[in-house]
Amino acid sequence: MFEEIFKRKKLIPEKLIAYGFQRSGVVFKLTRDIGDDEFSLKVLIGENGTVDTELVEKESGEPYILYKTDASGPYVGGIRAAIEKVLTDIADACSQTVVFKTEQARMAIQFVHDFYGDEPEFLWTRFPDNAVWRRKDNKKWYGAILTVLGKKIGLDTDEVVEIIDLRMNPGEAKEVLAREHYYPGWHMNKKTWYTIVLDSGLSNEELRTRIVESHTLVGKTK
């Protein structure tokens, strides 16, 4: 129950603490009163981001579990709605969107987070599976993670693939695009961008190097 609220979401420990969660080992706990203070709701977030709730009727001190059953009616429906409101606010305030499935996409996102403190920005409502990174100082894009049909970038497949677009020096375009796993920039200026298909054989070390190069290339100009 309530799984959809946290679908494609990754809860961030630092944000959970700032929100008011208390950490106990690998579990984060938060207590909120709901239903005109009739109930005490405990939200439990486990090590792998699993979310559970416990509800107690304050007057009796007894657990209230009907909201987890098939029970219907305005009363239990109102309780579910109140719990959903709390969980939705937690998801909005304490998580980042997780869209990409490839190991290299997740690696790249974590690397950029650790190295630059940047998170992917999902800018397009019509294309929720596409995101960009941009520098903090000049707001210029230095990378994009996108999903696209393989045949649209020259692959012999109709399957959707995950790609990363990065910046290059225009004078090095010929050399860059001659490398295995490198393609002209998808939906970008092909003089200054190239595309790599994630999980296609390029090493993580090389991908991290290319991300750093791209970030540097779009730095402030004097």
C-alpha atoms as a PDB file:
ATOM      1  CA  MET A   1       0.000   0.000   0.000  1.00  0.00           C
ATOM      2  CA  PHE A   2       1.174   3.524  -0.876  1.00  0.00           C
ATOM      3  CA  GLU A   3       3.951   2.022  -3.027  1.00  0.00           C
ATOM      4  CA  GLU A   4       3.142   4.300  -5.960  1.00  0.00           C
ATOM      5  CA  ILE A   5       4.076   7.359  -3.892  1.00  0.00           C
ATOM      6  CA  PHE A   6       7.710   6.262  -3.789  1.00  0.00           C
ATOM      7  CA  LYS A   7       7.894   4.729  -7.252  1.00  0.00           C
ATOM      8  CA  ARG A   8      10.955   6.034  -9.126  1.00  0.00           C
ATOM      9  CA  LYS A   9      12.102   7.820  -5.978  1.00  0.00           C
ATOM     10  CA  LYS A  10      15.356   7.512  -4.033  1.00  0.00           C
ATOM     11  CA  LEU A  11      15.169   8.746  -0.461  1.00  0.00           C
ATOM     12  CA  ILE A  12      18.166  10.828   0.633  1.00  0.00           C
ATOM     13  CA  PRO A  13      19.350  10.248   4.236  1.00  0.00           C
ATOM     14  CA  GLU A  14      20.492  13.848   4.747  1.00  0.00           C
ATOM     15  CA  LYS A  15      17.122  15.143   3.604  1.00  0.00           C
ATOM     16  CA  LEU A  16      15.285  12.702   5.855  1.00  0.00           C
ATOM     17  CA  ILE A  17      17.226  13.969   8.876  1.00  0.00           C
ATOM     18  CA  ALA A  18      16.553  17.589   7.908  1.00  0.00           C
ATOM     19  CA  TYR A  19      12.860  16.752   7.561  1.00  0.00           C
ATOM     20  CA  GLY A  20      12.721  15.464  11.144  1.00  0.00           C
ATOM     21  CA  PHE A  21      13.416  11.732  10.919  1.00  0.00           C
ATOM     22  CA  GLN A  22      15.419  10.099  13.694  1.00  0.00           C
ATOM     23  CA  ARG A  23      17.973   7.484  12.713  1.00  0.00           C
ATOM     24  CA  SER A  24      18.173   4.209  14.627  1.00  0.00           C
ATOM     25  CA  GLY A  25      20.792   1.948  13.081  1.00  0.00           C
ATOM     26  CA  VAL A  26      19.804   1.597   9.432  1.00  0.00           C
ATOM     27  CA  VAL A  27      16.180   2.625  10.012  1.00  0.00           C
ATOM     28  CA  PHE A  28      14.764   6.151   9.857  1.00  0.00           C
ATOM     29  CA  LYS A  29      11.719   6.887  12.019  1.00  0.00           C
ATOM     30  CA  LEU A  30       9.240   9.749  12.043  1.00  0.00           C
ATOM     31  CA  THR A  31       6.086  10.211  14.102  1.00  0.00           C
ATOM     32  CA  ARG A  32       3.202  12.462  13.120  1.00  0.00           C
ATOM     33  CA  ASP A  33      -0.293  12.989  14.554  1.00  0.00           C
ATOM     34  CA  ILE A  34      -3.096  12.662  12.013  1.00  0.00           C
ATOM     35  CA  GLY A  35      -6.897  12.564  11.958  1.00  0.00           C
ATOM     36  CA  ASP A  36      -7.451  15.588  14.202  1.00  0.00           C
ATOM     37  CA  ASP A  37      -4.746  14.193  16.490  1.00  0.00           C
ATOM     38  CA  GLU A  38      -6.784  11.023  17.017  1.00  0.00           C
ATOM     39  CA  PHE A  39      -4.008   8.820  15.687  1.00  0.00           C
ATOM     40  CA  SER A  40      -0.229   8.669  15.936  1.00  0.00           C
ATOM     41  CA  LEU A  41       1.396   7.687  12.653  1.00  0.00           C
ATOM     42  CA  LYS A  42       4.902   6.229  12.601  1.00  0.00           C
ATOM     43  CA  VAL A  43       6.757   6.176   9.272  1.00  0.00           C
ATOM     44  CA  LEU A  44       9.616   3.680   9.042  1.00  0.00           C
ATOM     45  CA  ILE A  45      12.173   3.764   6.219  1.00  0.00           C
ATOM     46  CA  GLY A  46      14.454   0.767   5.966  1.00  0.00           C
ATOM     47  CA  GLU A  47      17.986   0.282   4.689  1.00  0.00           C
ATOM     48  CA  ASN A  48      16.938  -0.280   1.083  1.00  0.00           C
ATOM     49  CA  GLY A  49      14.425   2.548   1.023  1.00  0.00           C
ATOM     50  CA  THR A  50      11.480   0.355   1.968  1.00  0.00           C
ATOM     51  CA  VAL A  51       8.682   2.385   3.534  1.00  0.00           C
ATOM     52  CA  ASP A  52       6.271   1.082   6.167  1.00  0.00           C
ATOM     53  CA  THR A  53       3.720   2.716   8.428  1.00  0.00           C
ATOM     54  CA  GLU A  54       2.308   1.952  11.851  1.00  0.00           C
ATOM     55  CA  LEU A  55      -0.830   3.639  13.155  1.00  0.00           C
ATOM     56  CA  VAL A  56      -1.904   3.790  16.790  1.00  0.00           C
ATOM     57  CA  GLU A  57      -5.146   5.141  18.237  1.00  0.00           C
ATOM     58  CA  LYS A  58      -3.921   7.575  20.849  1.00  0.00           C
ATOM     59  CA  GLU A  59      -6.789   7.220  23.303  1.00  0.00           C
ATOM     60  CA  SER A  60      -6.645   3.437  23.549  1.00  0.00           C
ATOM     61  CA  GLY A  61      -3.006   2.912  22.648  1.00  0.00           C
ATOM     62  CA  GLU A  62      -4.103   0.117  20.298  1.00  0.00           C
ATOM     63  CA  PRO A  63      -2.778  -0.388  16.757  1.00  0.00           C
ATOM     64  CA  TYR A  64      -5.226   0.515  13.997  1.00  0.00           C
ATOM     65  CA  ILE A  65      -4.752  -1.773  11.016  1.00  0.00           C
ATOM     66  CA  LEU A  66      -7.953  -1.445   8.996  1.00  0.00           C
ATOM     67  CA  TYR A  67      -6.291   1.060   6.644  1.00  0.00           C
ATOM     68  CA  LYS A  68      -3.987  -1.768   5.484  1.00  0.00           C
ATOM     69  CA  THR A  69      -6.891  -4.071   4.656  1.00  0.00           C
ATOM     70  CA  ASP A  70      -9.638  -4.051   2.031  1.00  0.00           C
ATOM     71  CA  ALA A  71     -11.938  -2.219   4.426  1.00  0.00           C
ATOM     72  CA  SER A  72     -13.897   0.591   2.794  1.00  0.00           C
ATOM     73  CA  GLY A  73     -16.014   3.513   3.878  1.00  0.00           C
ATOM     74  CA  PRO A  74     -15.577   7.225   4.490  1.00  0.00           C
ATOM     75  CA  TYR A  75     -13.880   6.828   7.864  1.00  0.00           C
ATOM     76  CA  VAL A  76     -11.095   4.466   6.867  1.00  0.00           C
ATOM     77  CA  GLY A  77     -10.861   6.266   3.521  1.00  0.00           C
ATOM     78  CA  GLY A  78     -10.202   9.517   5.342  1.00  0.00           C
ATOM     79  CA  ILE A  79      -7.448   7.868   7.373  1.00  0.00           C
ATOM     80  CA  ARG A  80      -5.792   6.519   4.220  1.00  0.00           C
ATOM     81  CA  ALA A  81      -5.988   9.964   2.632  1.00  0.00           C
ATOM     82  CA  ALA A  82      -4.313  11.557   5.674  1.00  0.00           C
ATOM     83  CA  ILE A  83      -1.505   8.980   5.603  1.00  0.00           C
ATOM     84  CA  GLU A  84      -1.074   9.442   1.860  1.00  0.00           C
ATOM     85  CA  LYS A  85      -0.722  13.196   2.368  1.00  0.00           C
ATOM     86  CA  VAL A  86       2.083  12.700   4.913  1.00  0.00           C
ATOM     87  CA  LEU A  87       3.918  10.188   2.707  1.00  0.00           C
ATOM     88  CA  THR A  88       3.577  12.332  -0.404  1.00  0.00           C
ATOM     89  CA  ASP A  89       5.105  15.286   1.418  1.00  0.00           C
ATOM     90  CA  ILE A  90       8.007  13.091   2.567  1.00  0.00           C
ATOM     91  CA  ALA A  91       8.565  11.831  -0.979  1.00  0.00           C
ATOM     92  CA  ASP A  92       8.526  15.368  -2.382  1.00  0.00           C
ATOM     93  CA  ALA A  93      10.854  16.790   0.271  1.00  0.00           C
ATOM     94  CA  CYS A  94      13.303  13.952   0.841  1.00  0.00           C
ATOM     95  CA  SER A  95      13.884  12.130  -2.432  1.00  0.00           C
ATOM     96  CA  GLN A  96      15.289  12.393  -5.898  1.00  0.00           C
ATOM     97  CA  THR A  97      13.715  10.904  -8.975  1.00  0.00           C
ATOM     98  CA  VAL A  98      15.195   7.585 -10.073  1.00  0.00           C
ATOM     99  CA  VAL A  99      14.470   6.814 -13.685  1.00  0.00           C
ATOM    100  CA  PHE A 100      17.447   5.085 -15.234  1.00  0.00           C
ATOM    101  CA  LYS A 101      18.013   1.351 -15.059  1.00  0.00           C
ATOM    102  CA  THR A 102      21.531   0.774 -16.361  1.00  0.00           C
ATOM    103  CA  GLU A 103      24.347   0.296 -13.884  1.00  0.00           C
ATOM    104  CA  GLN A 104      26.426   2.977 -15.615  1.00  0.00           C
ATOM    105  CA  ALA A 105      23.622   5.525 -15.405  1.00  0.00           C
ATOM    106  CA  ARG A 106      23.376   4.950 -11.664  1.00  0.00           C
ATOM    107  CA  MET A 107      27.159   5.036 -11.353  1.00  0.00           C
ATOM    108  CA  ALA A 108      27.369   8.313 -13.277  1.00  0.00           C
ATOM    109  CA  ILE A 109      24.618   9.927 -11.212  1.00  0.00           C
ATOM    110  CA  GLN A 110      26.344   8.901  -7.989  1.00  0.00           C
ATOM    111  CA  PHE A 111      29.739  10.065  -9.261  1.00  0.00           C
ATOM    112  CA  VAL A 112      28.396  13.500 -10.214  1.00  0.00           C
ATOM    113  CA  HIS A 113      26.650  13.768  -6.849  1.00  0.00           C
ATOM    114  CA  ASP A 114      29.827  12.878  -4.944  1.00  0.00           C
ATOM    115  CA  PHE A 115      32.265  14.869  -7.106  1.00  0.00           C
ATOM    116  CA  TYR A 116      30.275  18.018  -7.878  1.00  0.00           C
ATOM    117  CA  GLY A 117      27.265  17.878  -5.573  1.00  0.00           C
ATOM    118  CA  ASP A 118      24.955  18.042  -8.608  1.00  0.00           C
ATOM    119  CA  GLU A 119      21.743  16.116  -9.139  1.00  0.00           C
ATOM    120  CA  PRO A 120      20.111  15.342 -12.496  1.00  0.00           C
ATOM    121  CA  GLU A 121      17.431  17.882 -13.400  1.00  0.00           C
ATOM    122  CA  PHE A 122      14.291  16.583 -15.101  1.00  0.00           C
ATOM    123  CA  LEU A 123      13.228  19.597 -17.133  1.00  0.00           C
ATOM    124  CA  TRP A 124      10.641  18.224 -19.533  1.00  0.00           C
ATOM    125  CA  THR A 125       7.172  17.084 -18.485  1.00  0.00           C
ATOM    126  CA  ARG A 126       6.676  15.427 -21.861  1.00  0.00           C
ATOM    127  CA  PHE A 127       9.971  13.542 -21.531  1.00  0.00           C
ATOM    128  CA  PRO A 128      10.193  12.410 -17.898  1.00  0.00           C
ATOM    129  CA  ASP A 129      13.000   9.930 -18.670  1.00  0.00           C
ATOM    130  CA  ASN A 130      15.456  12.645 -19.754  1.00  0.00           C
ATOM    131  CA  ALA A 131      17.619  14.727 -17.444  1.00  0.00           C
ATOM    132  CA  VAL A 132      20.562  17.127 -17.516  1.00  0.00           C
ATOM    133  CA  TRP A 133      23.390  18.233 -15.270  1.00  0.00           C
ATOM    134  CA  ARG A 134      24.533  21.834 -15.205  1.00  0.00           C
ATOM    135  CA  ARG A 135      27.315  23.700 -13.496  1.00  0.00           C
ATOM    136  CA  LYS A 136      26.479  25.655 -10.381  1.00  0.00           C
ATOM    137  CA  ASP A 137      28.426  28.759 -11.417  1.00  0.00           C
ATOM    138  CA  ASN A 138      27.154  29.481 -14.925  1.00  0.00           C
ATOM    139  CA  LYS A 139      24.169  27.106 -15.180  1.00  0.00           C
ATOM    140  CA  LYS A 140      25.491  25.627 -18.425  1.00  0.00           C
ATOM    141  CA  TRP A 141      24.729  22.001 -19.215  1.00  0.00           C
ATOM    142  CA  TYR A 142      27.696  19.666 -19.107  1.00  0.00           C
ATOM    143  CA  GLY A 143      25.864  16.385 -19.454  1.00  0.00           C
ATOM    144  CA  ALA A 144      22.535  14.749 -20.176  1.00  0.00           C
ATOM    145  CA  ILE A 145      21.200  11.257 -19.540  1.00  0.00           C
ATOM    146  CA  LEU A 146      18.499  10.306 -22.013  1.00  0.00           C
ATOM    147  CA  THR A 147      16.442   7.347 -23.152  1.00  0.00           C
ATOM    148  CA  VAL A 148      16.088   6.816 -26.898  1.00  0.00           C
ATOM    149  CA  LEU A 149      15.317   4.105 -29.430  1.00  0.00           C
ATOM    150  CA  GLY A 150      18.608   2.513 -30.372  1.00  0.00           C
ATOM    151  CA  LYS A 151      17.987   2.827 -34.103  1.00  0.00           C
ATOM    152  CA  LYS A 152      17.735   6.602 -33.783  1.00  0.00           C
ATOM    153  CA  ILE A 153      21.419   6.852 -32.936  1.00  0.00           C
ATOM    154  CA  GLY A 154      22.520   4.277 -35.478  1.00  0.00           C
ATOM    155  CA  LEU A 155      22.222   1.020 -33.530  1.00  0.00           C
ATOM    156  CA  ASP A 156      20.669  -2.058 -35.084  1.00  0.00           C
ATOM    157  CA  THR A 157      17.895  -2.372 -32.491  1.00  0.00           C
ATOM    158  CA  ASP A 158      14.386  -1.131 -31.870  1.00  0.00           C
ATOM    159  CA  GLU A 159      14.891  -1.349 -28.120  1.00  0.00           C
ATOM    160  CA  VAL A 160      15.149   1.686 -25.875  1.00  0.00           C
ATOM    161  CA  VAL A 161      18.683   2.387 -24.684  1.00  0.00           C
ATOM    162  CA  GLU A 162      20.058   4.803 -22.107  1.00  0.00           C
ATOM    163  CA  ILE A 163      22.658   7.245 -23.330  1.00  0.00           C
ATOM    164  CA  ILE A 164      24.785  10.044 -21.962  1.00  0.00           C
ATOM    165  CA  ASP A 165      25.558  13.208 -23.911  1.00  0.00           C
ATOM    166  CA  LEU A 166      28.783  15.046 -23.040  1.00  0.00           C
ATOM    167  CA  ARG A 167      30.656  18.069 -24.332  1.00  0.00           C
ATOM    168  CA  MET A 168      33.773  17.947 -26.488  1.00  0.00           C
ATOM    169  CA  ASN A 169      36.157  20.441 -28.007  1.00  0.00           C
ATOM    170  CA  PRO A 170      35.020  21.052 -31.623  1.00  0.00           C
ATOM    171  CA  GLY A 171      38.579  20.658 -32.831  1.00  0.00           C
ATOM    172  CA  GLU A 172      38.687  17.135 -31.430  1.00  0.00           C
ATOM    173  CA  ALA A 173      35.341  15.942 -32.807  1.00  0.00           C
ATOM    174  CA  LYS A 174      36.828  13.706 -35.489  1.00  0.00           C
ATOM    175  CA  GLU A 175      39.146  12.017 -33.009  1.00  0.00           C
ATOM    176  CA  VAL A 176      36.414  11.587 -30.382  1.00  0.00           C
ATOM    177  CA  LEU A 177      33.856  10.109 -32.780  1.00  0.00           C
ATOM    178  CA  ALA A 178      36.419   7.642 -34.121  1.00  0.00           C
ATOM    179  CA  ARG A 179      36.473   5.902 -30.743  1.00  0.00           C
ATOM    180  CA  GLU A 180      34.476   2.745 -30.130  1.00  0.00           C
ATOM    181  CA  HIS A 181      31.171   3.386 -28.274  1.00  0.00           C
ATOM    182  CA  TYR A 182      31.093   7.095 -29.262  1.00  0.00           C
ATOM    183  CA  TYR A 183      28.362   8.593 -31.470  1.00  0.00           C
ATOM    184  CA  PRO A 184      27.384  12.089 -32.655  1.00  0.00           C
ATOM    185  CA  GLY A 185      25.504  13.977 -29.954  1.00  0.00           C
ATOM    186  CA  TRP A 186      21.842  13.001 -29.847  1.00  0.00           C
ATOM    187  CA  HIS A 187      19.577  16.075 -29.973  1.00  0.00           C
ATOM    188  CA  MET A 188      22.620  18.276 -29.407  1.00  0.00           C
ATOM    189  CA  ASN A 189      25.011  20.333 -31.514  1.00  0.00           C
ATOM    190  CA  LYS A 190      27.079  17.601 -33.112  1.00  0.00           C
ATOM    191  CA  LYS A 191      30.110  19.874 -33.313  1.00  0.00           C
ATOM    192  CA  THR A 192      30.334  20.154 -29.547  1.00  0.00           C
ATOM    193  CA  TRP A 193      28.499  17.115 -28.146  1.00  0.00           C
ATOM    194  CA  TYR A 194      28.878  13.357 -28.432  1.00  0.00           C
ATOM    195  CA  THR A 195      26.835  10.401 -27.213  1.00  0.00           C
ATOM    196  CA  ILE A 196      27.857   7.255 -25.351  1.00  0.00           C
ATOM    197  CA  VAL A 197      25.505   4.282 -24.999  1.00  0.00           C
ATOM    198  CA  LEU A 198      25.550   3.250 -21.366  1.00  0.00           C
ATOM    199  CA  ASP A 199      26.351  -0.342 -20.413  1.00  0.00           C
ATOM    200  CA  SER A 200      27.668  -0.930 -23.941  1.00  0.00           C
ATOM    201  CA  GLY A 201      31.269  -1.752 -23.054  1.00  0.00           C
ATOM    202  CA  LEU A 202      32.876   1.562 -22.101  1.00  0.00           C
ATOM    203  CA  SER A 203      34.648   1.315 -18.753  1.00  0.00           C
ATOM    204  CA  ASN A 204      33.391   3.238 -15.738  1.00  0.00           C
ATOM    205  CA  GLU A 205      36.817   4.820 -15.361  1.00  0.00           C
ATOM    206  CA  GLU A 206      36.728   6.237 -18.880  1.00  0.00           C
ATOM    207  CA  LEU A 207      33.159   7.471 -18.433  1.00  0.00           C
ATOM    208  CA  ARG A 208      34.078   9.309 -15.252  1.00  0.00           C
ATOM    209  CA  THR A 209      37.027  10.903 -17.067  1.00  0.00           C
ATOM    210  CA  ARG A 210      34.740  12.089 -19.876  1.00  0.00           C
ATOM    211  CA  ILE A 211      32.265  13.588 -17.417  1.00  0.00           C
ATOM    212  CA  VAL A 212      35.042  15.589 -15.754  1.00  0.00           C
ATOM    213  CA  GLU A 213      36.299  16.777 -19.153  1.00  0.00           C
ATOM    214  CA  SER A 214      32.802  17.876 -20.118  1.00  0.00           C
ATOM    215  CA  HIS A 215      32.306  19.751 -16.856  1.00  0.00           C
ATOM    216  CA  THR A 216      35.593  21.559 -17.381  1.00  0.00           C
ATOM    217  CA  LEU A 217      34.783  22.507 -20.983  1.00  0.00           C
ATOM    218  CA  VAL A 218      31.657  24.416 -20.012  1.00  0.00           C
ATOM    219  CA  GLY A 219      33.385  26.314 -17.212  1.00  0.00           C
ATOM    220  CA  LYS A 220      33.258  30.079 -16.958  1.00  0.00           C
ATOM    221  CA  THR A 221      35.077  31.991 -19.638  1.00  0.00           C
ATOM    222  CA  LYS A 222      36.893  35.176 -18.745  1.00  0.00           C
END
